[in-house]
């Protein structure tokens, strides 16, 4: 299962899937209107029911979309239900891949709190590498259940990686590898083709599989 936890949701485009149902933010918004909840249902049951119906199903992967940013008011209760729902779904899937937004909100809210592998993605700039280090600091301060944390540097080459060795070491995050710039990705984006369809000869695809093989994922 893929979970698009980015407010600017586009994971479905990468996977070549249409969003077939309501996003989680739309479900949460409905709970603010009592008339939307059937009289024989409590709020918690309604949210759980709607979330189960919010999966967009594909041939090889199902997608759950969190949707746009939260509006005014507190969604603490709904976020608790979401965490519980994701926990329940774990038993039905071999892998759950969550695409978080660039910020740290989902870590601090503990929406993403029980993770086997967390990949912190950075480009090859020093500023981005330092930001990756702050993610690790937040994880440690929140005592989040993340078993292994790895850094992946994108749009980089061997020379870049040598120059960045010191900054990467300062993050305290184990380097999983780097992904080079790939003209095929640009071509696929221009033609709105899902990246999941990239061929095996793609430089980026080879790099990703190399990283996963080394980590034994």
C-alpha atoms as a PDB file:
ATOM      1  CA  UNK A   1       0.000   0.000   0.000  1.00  0.00           C
ATOM      2  CA  UNK A   2       1.133   3.511  -0.805  1.00  0.00           C
ATOM      3  CA  UNK A   3       0.128   6.423   1.434  1.00  0.00           C
ATOM      4  CA  UNK A   4       0.353   9.944   0.038  1.00  0.00           C
ATOM      5  CA  UNK A   5       0.857  12.062   3.154  1.00  0.00           C
ATOM      6  CA  UNK A   6       1.907  15.159   1.215  1.00  0.00           C
ATOM      7  CA  UNK A   7      -0.568  18.050   1.202  1.00  0.00           C
ATOM      8  CA  UNK A   8       0.390  18.578  -2.444  1.00  0.00           C
ATOM      9  CA  UNK A   9      -0.769  15.089  -3.372  1.00  0.00           C
ATOM     10  CA  UNK A  10       0.782  13.667  -6.550  1.00  0.00           C
ATOM     11  CA  UNK A  11       1.877  10.155  -5.544  1.00  0.00           C
ATOM     12  CA  UNK A  12      -0.978   8.814  -7.688  1.00  0.00           C
ATOM     13  CA  UNK A  13       0.620  10.379 -10.778  1.00  0.00           C
ATOM     14  CA  UNK A  14       3.920   8.660 -10.021  1.00  0.00           C
ATOM     15  CA  UNK A  15       2.082   5.340  -9.638  1.00  0.00           C
ATOM     16  CA  UNK A  16      -0.237   5.825 -12.619  1.00  0.00           C
ATOM     17  CA  UNK A  17      -3.379   5.644 -10.455  1.00  0.00           C
ATOM     18  CA  UNK A  18      -6.558   7.697 -10.459  1.00  0.00           C
ATOM     19  CA  UNK A  19      -7.779   8.871  -7.036  1.00  0.00           C
ATOM     20  CA  UNK A  20     -11.026   6.918  -6.921  1.00  0.00           C
ATOM     21  CA  UNK A  21     -12.528   8.097  -3.655  1.00  0.00           C
ATOM     22  CA  UNK A  22     -12.419  10.725  -0.928  1.00  0.00           C
ATOM     23  CA  UNK A  23      -9.157  11.817   0.632  1.00  0.00           C
ATOM     24  CA  UNK A  24      -8.631  11.564   4.376  1.00  0.00           C
ATOM     25  CA  UNK A  25      -8.843  15.361   4.762  1.00  0.00           C
ATOM     26  CA  UNK A  26     -12.267  15.288   3.069  1.00  0.00           C
ATOM     27  CA  UNK A  27     -13.427  12.577   5.458  1.00  0.00           C
ATOM     28  CA  UNK A  28     -12.180  14.620   8.430  1.00  0.00           C
ATOM     29  CA  UNK A  29     -13.953  17.729   7.110  1.00  0.00           C
ATOM     30  CA  UNK A  30     -17.250  15.834   7.013  1.00  0.00           C
ATOM     31  CA  UNK A  31     -17.045  15.128  10.757  1.00  0.00           C
ATOM     32  CA  UNK A  32     -17.387  18.873  11.403  1.00  0.00           C
ATOM     33  CA  UNK A  33     -20.957  18.707  10.059  1.00  0.00           C
ATOM     34  CA  UNK A  34     -23.146  16.546  12.346  1.00  0.00           C
ATOM     35  CA  UNK A  35     -25.681  16.053   9.533  1.00  0.00           C
ATOM     36  CA  UNK A  36     -23.094  14.099   7.535  1.00  0.00           C
ATOM     37  CA  UNK A  37     -22.849  11.403  10.215  1.00  0.00           C
ATOM     38  CA  UNK A  38     -25.666   8.804  10.242  1.00  0.00           C
ATOM     39  CA  UNK A  39     -27.743   8.928  13.406  1.00  0.00           C
ATOM     40  CA  UNK A  40     -26.881   5.357  14.349  1.00  0.00           C
ATOM     41  CA  UNK A  41     -23.104   5.967  14.164  1.00  0.00           C
ATOM     42  CA  UNK A  42     -20.687   7.564  16.596  1.00  0.00           C
ATOM     43  CA  UNK A  43     -18.028   9.857  15.163  1.00  0.00           C
ATOM     44  CA  UNK A  44     -15.212   7.321  15.578  1.00  0.00           C
ATOM     45  CA  UNK A  45     -17.117   4.554  13.772  1.00  0.00           C
ATOM     46  CA  UNK A  46     -18.028   6.921  10.930  1.00  0.00           C
ATOM     47  CA  UNK A  47     -14.407   7.967  10.388  1.00  0.00           C
ATOM     48  CA  UNK A  48     -13.160   4.366  10.442  1.00  0.00           C
ATOM     49  CA  UNK A  49     -15.864   3.321   7.967  1.00  0.00           C
ATOM     50  CA  UNK A  50     -15.071   6.174   5.583  1.00  0.00           C
ATOM     51  CA  UNK A  51     -11.325   5.590   5.783  1.00  0.00           C
ATOM     52  CA  UNK A  52     -11.744   1.939   4.807  1.00  0.00           C
ATOM     53  CA  UNK A  53     -13.678   3.151   1.784  1.00  0.00           C
ATOM     54  CA  UNK A  54     -10.980   5.685   0.826  1.00  0.00           C
ATOM     55  CA  UNK A  55      -8.519   3.269  -0.793  1.00  0.00           C
ATOM     56  CA  UNK A  56      -7.853   3.640  -4.512  1.00  0.00           C
ATOM     57  CA  UNK A  57      -7.090   0.118  -5.716  1.00  0.00           C
ATOM     58  CA  UNK A  58      -4.553  -0.660  -8.441  1.00  0.00           C
ATOM     59  CA  UNK A  59      -3.261  -3.867  -9.986  1.00  0.00           C
ATOM     60  CA  UNK A  60      -0.111  -4.026  -7.863  1.00  0.00           C
ATOM     61  CA  UNK A  61      -0.611  -1.294  -5.262  1.00  0.00           C
ATOM     62  CA  UNK A  62      -3.442   0.378  -3.343  1.00  0.00           C
ATOM     63  CA  UNK A  63      -3.295   4.093  -2.548  1.00  0.00           C
ATOM     64  CA  UNK A  64      -4.518   6.094   0.438  1.00  0.00           C
ATOM     65  CA  UNK A  65      -4.418   9.889  -0.001  1.00  0.00           C
ATOM     66  CA  UNK A  66      -4.377  12.190   3.016  1.00  0.00           C
ATOM     67  CA  UNK A  67      -5.248  15.279   0.985  1.00  0.00           C
ATOM     68  CA  UNK A  68      -4.838  19.007   1.535  1.00  0.00           C
ATOM     69  CA  UNK A  69      -3.747  20.882   4.646  1.00  0.00           C
ATOM     70  CA  UNK A  70      -5.974  20.952   7.701  1.00  0.00           C
ATOM     71  CA  UNK A  71      -8.253  23.906   8.123  1.00  0.00           C
ATOM     72  CA  UNK A  72      -9.059  25.796  11.343  1.00  0.00           C
ATOM     73  CA  UNK A  73      -9.786  23.782  14.453  1.00  0.00           C
ATOM     74  CA  UNK A  74      -8.193  20.796  16.153  1.00  0.00           C
ATOM     75  CA  UNK A  75      -8.001  17.453  14.360  1.00  0.00           C
ATOM     76  CA  UNK A  76      -6.263  15.611  17.207  1.00  0.00           C
ATOM     77  CA  UNK A  77      -9.105  13.089  17.497  1.00  0.00           C
ATOM     78  CA  UNK A  78      -9.168  12.430  13.757  1.00  0.00           C
ATOM     79  CA  UNK A  79      -5.374  12.048  13.646  1.00  0.00           C
ATOM     80  CA  UNK A  80      -5.605   9.459  16.421  1.00  0.00           C
ATOM     81  CA  UNK A  81      -8.128   7.526  14.338  1.00  0.00           C
ATOM     82  CA  UNK A  82      -5.836   7.797  11.308  1.00  0.00           C
ATOM     83  CA  UNK A  83      -2.881   6.375  13.227  1.00  0.00           C
ATOM     84  CA  UNK A  84      -5.063   3.518  14.448  1.00  0.00           C
ATOM     85  CA  UNK A  85      -6.376   2.877  10.931  1.00  0.00           C
ATOM     86  CA  UNK A  86      -2.889   2.723   9.408  1.00  0.00           C
ATOM     87  CA  UNK A  87      -1.899   0.331  12.166  1.00  0.00           C
ATOM     88  CA  UNK A  88      -4.850  -1.927  11.336  1.00  0.00           C
ATOM     89  CA  UNK A  89      -3.994  -1.906   7.637  1.00  0.00           C
ATOM     90  CA  UNK A  90      -0.458  -3.155   8.284  1.00  0.00           C
ATOM     91  CA  UNK A  91      -1.701  -6.727   8.601  1.00  0.00           C
ATOM     92  CA  UNK A  92      -3.163  -6.690   5.085  1.00  0.00           C
ATOM     93  CA  UNK A  93      -0.050  -5.577   3.192  1.00  0.00           C
ATOM     94  CA  UNK A  94       3.492  -6.881   2.925  1.00  0.00           C
ATOM     95  CA  UNK A  95       4.811  -3.330   2.512  1.00  0.00           C
ATOM     96  CA  UNK A  96       3.406   0.108   3.331  1.00  0.00           C
ATOM     97  CA  UNK A  97       5.267   3.005   1.718  1.00  0.00           C
ATOM     98  CA  UNK A  98       4.472   6.499   3.018  1.00  0.00           C
ATOM     99  CA  UNK A  99       5.430   9.611   1.048  1.00  0.00           C
ATOM    100  CA  UNK A 100       5.623  12.431   3.605  1.00  0.00           C
ATOM    101  CA  UNK A 101       5.686  16.121   2.804  1.00  0.00           C
ATOM    102  CA  UNK A 102       9.038  17.883   2.994  1.00  0.00           C
ATOM    103  CA  UNK A 103       8.253  19.289   6.433  1.00  0.00           C
ATOM    104  CA  UNK A 104       8.400  17.417   9.732  1.00  0.00           C
ATOM    105  CA  UNK A 105       4.729  17.672  10.704  1.00  0.00           C
ATOM    106  CA  UNK A 106       3.866  13.999  10.296  1.00  0.00           C
ATOM    107  CA  UNK A 107       6.769  13.032  12.516  1.00  0.00           C
ATOM    108  CA  UNK A 108       5.912  15.544  15.244  1.00  0.00           C
ATOM    109  CA  UNK A 109       2.227  14.534  15.117  1.00  0.00           C
ATOM    110  CA  UNK A 110       3.324  10.888  15.197  1.00  0.00           C
ATOM    111  CA  UNK A 111       1.117  10.076  12.222  1.00  0.00           C
ATOM    112  CA  UNK A 112       4.267   8.351  10.999  1.00  0.00           C
ATOM    113  CA  UNK A 113       5.514   6.730  14.184  1.00  0.00           C
ATOM    114  CA  UNK A 114       6.123   2.996  13.676  1.00  0.00           C
ATOM    115  CA  UNK A 115       8.550   2.624  10.795  1.00  0.00           C
ATOM    116  CA  UNK A 116      10.973  -0.117   9.799  1.00  0.00           C
ATOM    117  CA  UNK A 117      12.957   1.986   7.312  1.00  0.00           C
ATOM    118  CA  UNK A 118      12.877   5.765   7.002  1.00  0.00           C
ATOM    119  CA  UNK A 119      14.620   7.256   3.995  1.00  0.00           C
ATOM    120  CA  UNK A 120      15.466  10.920   4.435  1.00  0.00           C
ATOM    121  CA  UNK A 121      15.746  12.353   0.928  1.00  0.00           C
ATOM    122  CA  UNK A 122      18.108  15.236   0.178  1.00  0.00           C
ATOM    123  CA  UNK A 123      19.437  16.859  -2.952  1.00  0.00           C
ATOM    124  CA  UNK A 124      23.152  17.495  -3.333  1.00  0.00           C
ATOM    125  CA  UNK A 125      23.128  20.936  -1.665  1.00  0.00           C
ATOM    126  CA  UNK A 126      24.701  21.549   1.759  1.00  0.00           C
ATOM    127  CA  UNK A 127      21.503  23.265   2.914  1.00  0.00           C
ATOM    128  CA  UNK A 128      19.444  20.177   2.148  1.00  0.00           C
ATOM    129  CA  UNK A 129      21.956  17.845   3.810  1.00  0.00           C
ATOM    130  CA  UNK A 130      21.782  19.959   6.992  1.00  0.00           C
ATOM    131  CA  UNK A 131      17.976  19.786   6.900  1.00  0.00           C
ATOM    132  CA  UNK A 132      18.265  15.999   6.801  1.00  0.00           C
ATOM    133  CA  UNK A 133      20.291  16.158  10.003  1.00  0.00           C
ATOM    134  CA  UNK A 134      17.477  18.103  11.705  1.00  0.00           C
ATOM    135  CA  UNK A 135      15.042  15.319  10.795  1.00  0.00           C
ATOM    136  CA  UNK A 136      17.184  12.863  12.749  1.00  0.00           C
ATOM    137  CA  UNK A 137      17.318  15.229  15.719  1.00  0.00           C
ATOM    138  CA  UNK A 138      13.525  15.475  15.732  1.00  0.00           C
ATOM    139  CA  UNK A 139      13.157  11.705  15.531  1.00  0.00           C
ATOM    140  CA  UNK A 140      15.405  11.297  18.563  1.00  0.00           C
ATOM    141  CA  UNK A 141      13.639  14.005  20.576  1.00  0.00           C
ATOM    142  CA  UNK A 142      10.196  12.537  19.808  1.00  0.00           C
ATOM    143  CA  UNK A 143      11.320   8.987  20.661  1.00  0.00           C
ATOM    144  CA  UNK A 144       9.570   7.859  17.508  1.00  0.00           C
ATOM    145  CA  UNK A 145       9.555   4.142  16.692  1.00  0.00           C
ATOM    146  CA  UNK A 146      11.801   4.254  13.629  1.00  0.00           C
ATOM    147  CA  UNK A 147      14.077   1.242  13.549  1.00  0.00           C
ATOM    148  CA  UNK A 148      16.526   2.348  10.864  1.00  0.00           C
ATOM    149  CA  UNK A 149      17.131   5.757   9.291  1.00  0.00           C
ATOM    150  CA  UNK A 150      19.032   6.211   6.041  1.00  0.00           C
ATOM    151  CA  UNK A 151      20.007   9.192   3.915  1.00  0.00           C
ATOM    152  CA  UNK A 152      19.572   9.170   0.141  1.00  0.00           C
ATOM    153  CA  UNK A 153      21.063  12.011  -1.908  1.00  0.00           C
ATOM    154  CA  UNK A 154      19.416  12.752  -5.254  1.00  0.00           C
ATOM    155  CA  UNK A 155      20.684  14.421  -8.428  1.00  0.00           C
ATOM    156  CA  UNK A 156      24.283  13.757  -7.387  1.00  0.00           C
ATOM    157  CA  UNK A 157      27.412  12.175  -8.844  1.00  0.00           C
ATOM    158  CA  UNK A 158      30.551  10.599  -7.400  1.00  0.00           C
ATOM    159  CA  UNK A 159      32.379  13.938  -7.262  1.00  0.00           C
ATOM    160  CA  UNK A 160      29.483  15.603  -5.418  1.00  0.00           C
ATOM    161  CA  UNK A 161      29.414  12.795  -2.868  1.00  0.00           C
ATOM    162  CA  UNK A 162      33.121  13.167  -2.112  1.00  0.00           C
ATOM    163  CA  UNK A 163      32.697  16.904  -1.523  1.00  0.00           C
ATOM    164  CA  UNK A 164      29.703  16.279   0.758  1.00  0.00           C
ATOM    165  CA  UNK A 165      31.332  13.575   2.900  1.00  0.00           C
ATOM    166  CA  UNK A 166      31.902  15.897   5.876  1.00  0.00           C
ATOM    167  CA  UNK A 167      28.383  17.349   5.883  1.00  0.00           C
ATOM    168  CA  UNK A 168      26.844  13.889   5.531  1.00  0.00           C
ATOM    169  CA  UNK A 169      28.902  12.621   8.473  1.00  0.00           C
ATOM    170  CA  UNK A 170      27.693  15.580  10.562  1.00  0.00           C
ATOM    171  CA  UNK A 171      24.048  14.483  10.128  1.00  0.00           C
ATOM    172  CA  UNK A 172      24.689  11.246  11.994  1.00  0.00           C
ATOM    173  CA  UNK A 173      22.538   9.436   9.415  1.00  0.00           C
ATOM    174  CA  UNK A 174      23.857   6.375   7.642  1.00  0.00           C
ATOM    175  CA  UNK A 175      24.226   7.036   3.914  1.00  0.00           C
ATOM    176  CA  UNK A 176      22.268   4.506   1.854  1.00  0.00           C
ATOM    177  CA  UNK A 177      23.520   5.835  -1.473  1.00  0.00           C
ATOM    178  CA  UNK A 178      22.817   8.435  -4.122  1.00  0.00           C
ATOM    179  CA  UNK A 179      20.609   8.667  -7.178  1.00  0.00           C
ATOM    180  CA  UNK A 180      22.076  10.434 -10.212  1.00  0.00           C
ATOM    181  CA  UNK A 181      20.292  12.873 -12.489  1.00  0.00           C
ATOM    182  CA  UNK A 182      18.338  10.910 -15.067  1.00  0.00           C
ATOM    183  CA  UNK A 183      17.151  12.288 -18.405  1.00  0.00           C
ATOM    184  CA  UNK A 184      14.469   9.590 -18.517  1.00  0.00           C
ATOM    185  CA  UNK A 185      12.793  11.078 -15.444  1.00  0.00           C
ATOM    186  CA  UNK A 186      12.667  14.478 -17.144  1.00  0.00           C
ATOM    187  CA  UNK A 187      11.239  12.874 -20.292  1.00  0.00           C
ATOM    188  CA  UNK A 188       8.578  10.979 -18.341  1.00  0.00           C
ATOM    189  CA  UNK A 189       7.592  14.125 -16.428  1.00  0.00           C
ATOM    190  CA  UNK A 190       7.287  16.185 -19.598  1.00  0.00           C
ATOM    191  CA  UNK A 191       4.952  13.580 -21.120  1.00  0.00           C
ATOM    192  CA  UNK A 192       3.033  13.002 -17.833  1.00  0.00           C
ATOM    193  CA  UNK A 193       4.043   9.335 -17.782  1.00  0.00           C
ATOM    194  CA  UNK A 194       4.038   7.546 -14.377  1.00  0.00           C
ATOM    195  CA  UNK A 195       7.567   7.057 -13.067  1.00  0.00           C
ATOM    196  CA  UNK A 196       6.710   3.540 -11.935  1.00  0.00           C
ATOM    197  CA  UNK A 197       6.957   2.641 -15.617  1.00  0.00           C
ATOM    198  CA  UNK A 198      10.633   3.646 -15.943  1.00  0.00           C
ATOM    199  CA  UNK A 199      12.621   0.845 -17.627  1.00  0.00           C
ATOM    200  CA  UNK A 200      15.340  -1.155 -15.883  1.00  0.00           C
ATOM    201  CA  UNK A 201      18.055   0.609 -17.892  1.00  0.00           C
ATOM    202  CA  UNK A 202      17.152   3.949 -16.272  1.00  0.00           C
ATOM    203  CA  UNK A 203      20.078   5.294 -14.233  1.00  0.00           C
ATOM    204  CA  UNK A 204      17.719   6.214 -11.387  1.00  0.00           C
ATOM    205  CA  UNK A 205      16.047   2.784 -11.361  1.00  0.00           C
ATOM    206  CA  UNK A 206      19.406   1.010 -11.269  1.00  0.00           C
ATOM    207  CA  UNK A 207      20.533   3.237  -8.401  1.00  0.00           C
ATOM    208  CA  UNK A 208      17.361   2.617  -6.386  1.00  0.00           C
ATOM    209  CA  UNK A 209      17.561  -1.151  -6.796  1.00  0.00           C
ATOM    210  CA  UNK A 210      21.241  -1.016  -5.893  1.00  0.00           C
ATOM    211  CA  UNK A 211      20.399   0.814  -2.655  1.00  0.00           C
ATOM    212  CA  UNK A 212      17.624  -1.639  -1.757  1.00  0.00           C
ATOM    213  CA  UNK A 213      19.842  -4.632  -2.520  1.00  0.00           C
ATOM    214  CA  UNK A 214      22.633  -3.304  -0.295  1.00  0.00           C
ATOM    215  CA  UNK A 215      20.200  -2.721   2.547  1.00  0.00           C
ATOM    216  CA  UNK A 216      18.486  -6.069   2.075  1.00  0.00           C
ATOM    217  CA  UNK A 217      15.060  -4.479   1.759  1.00  0.00           C
END
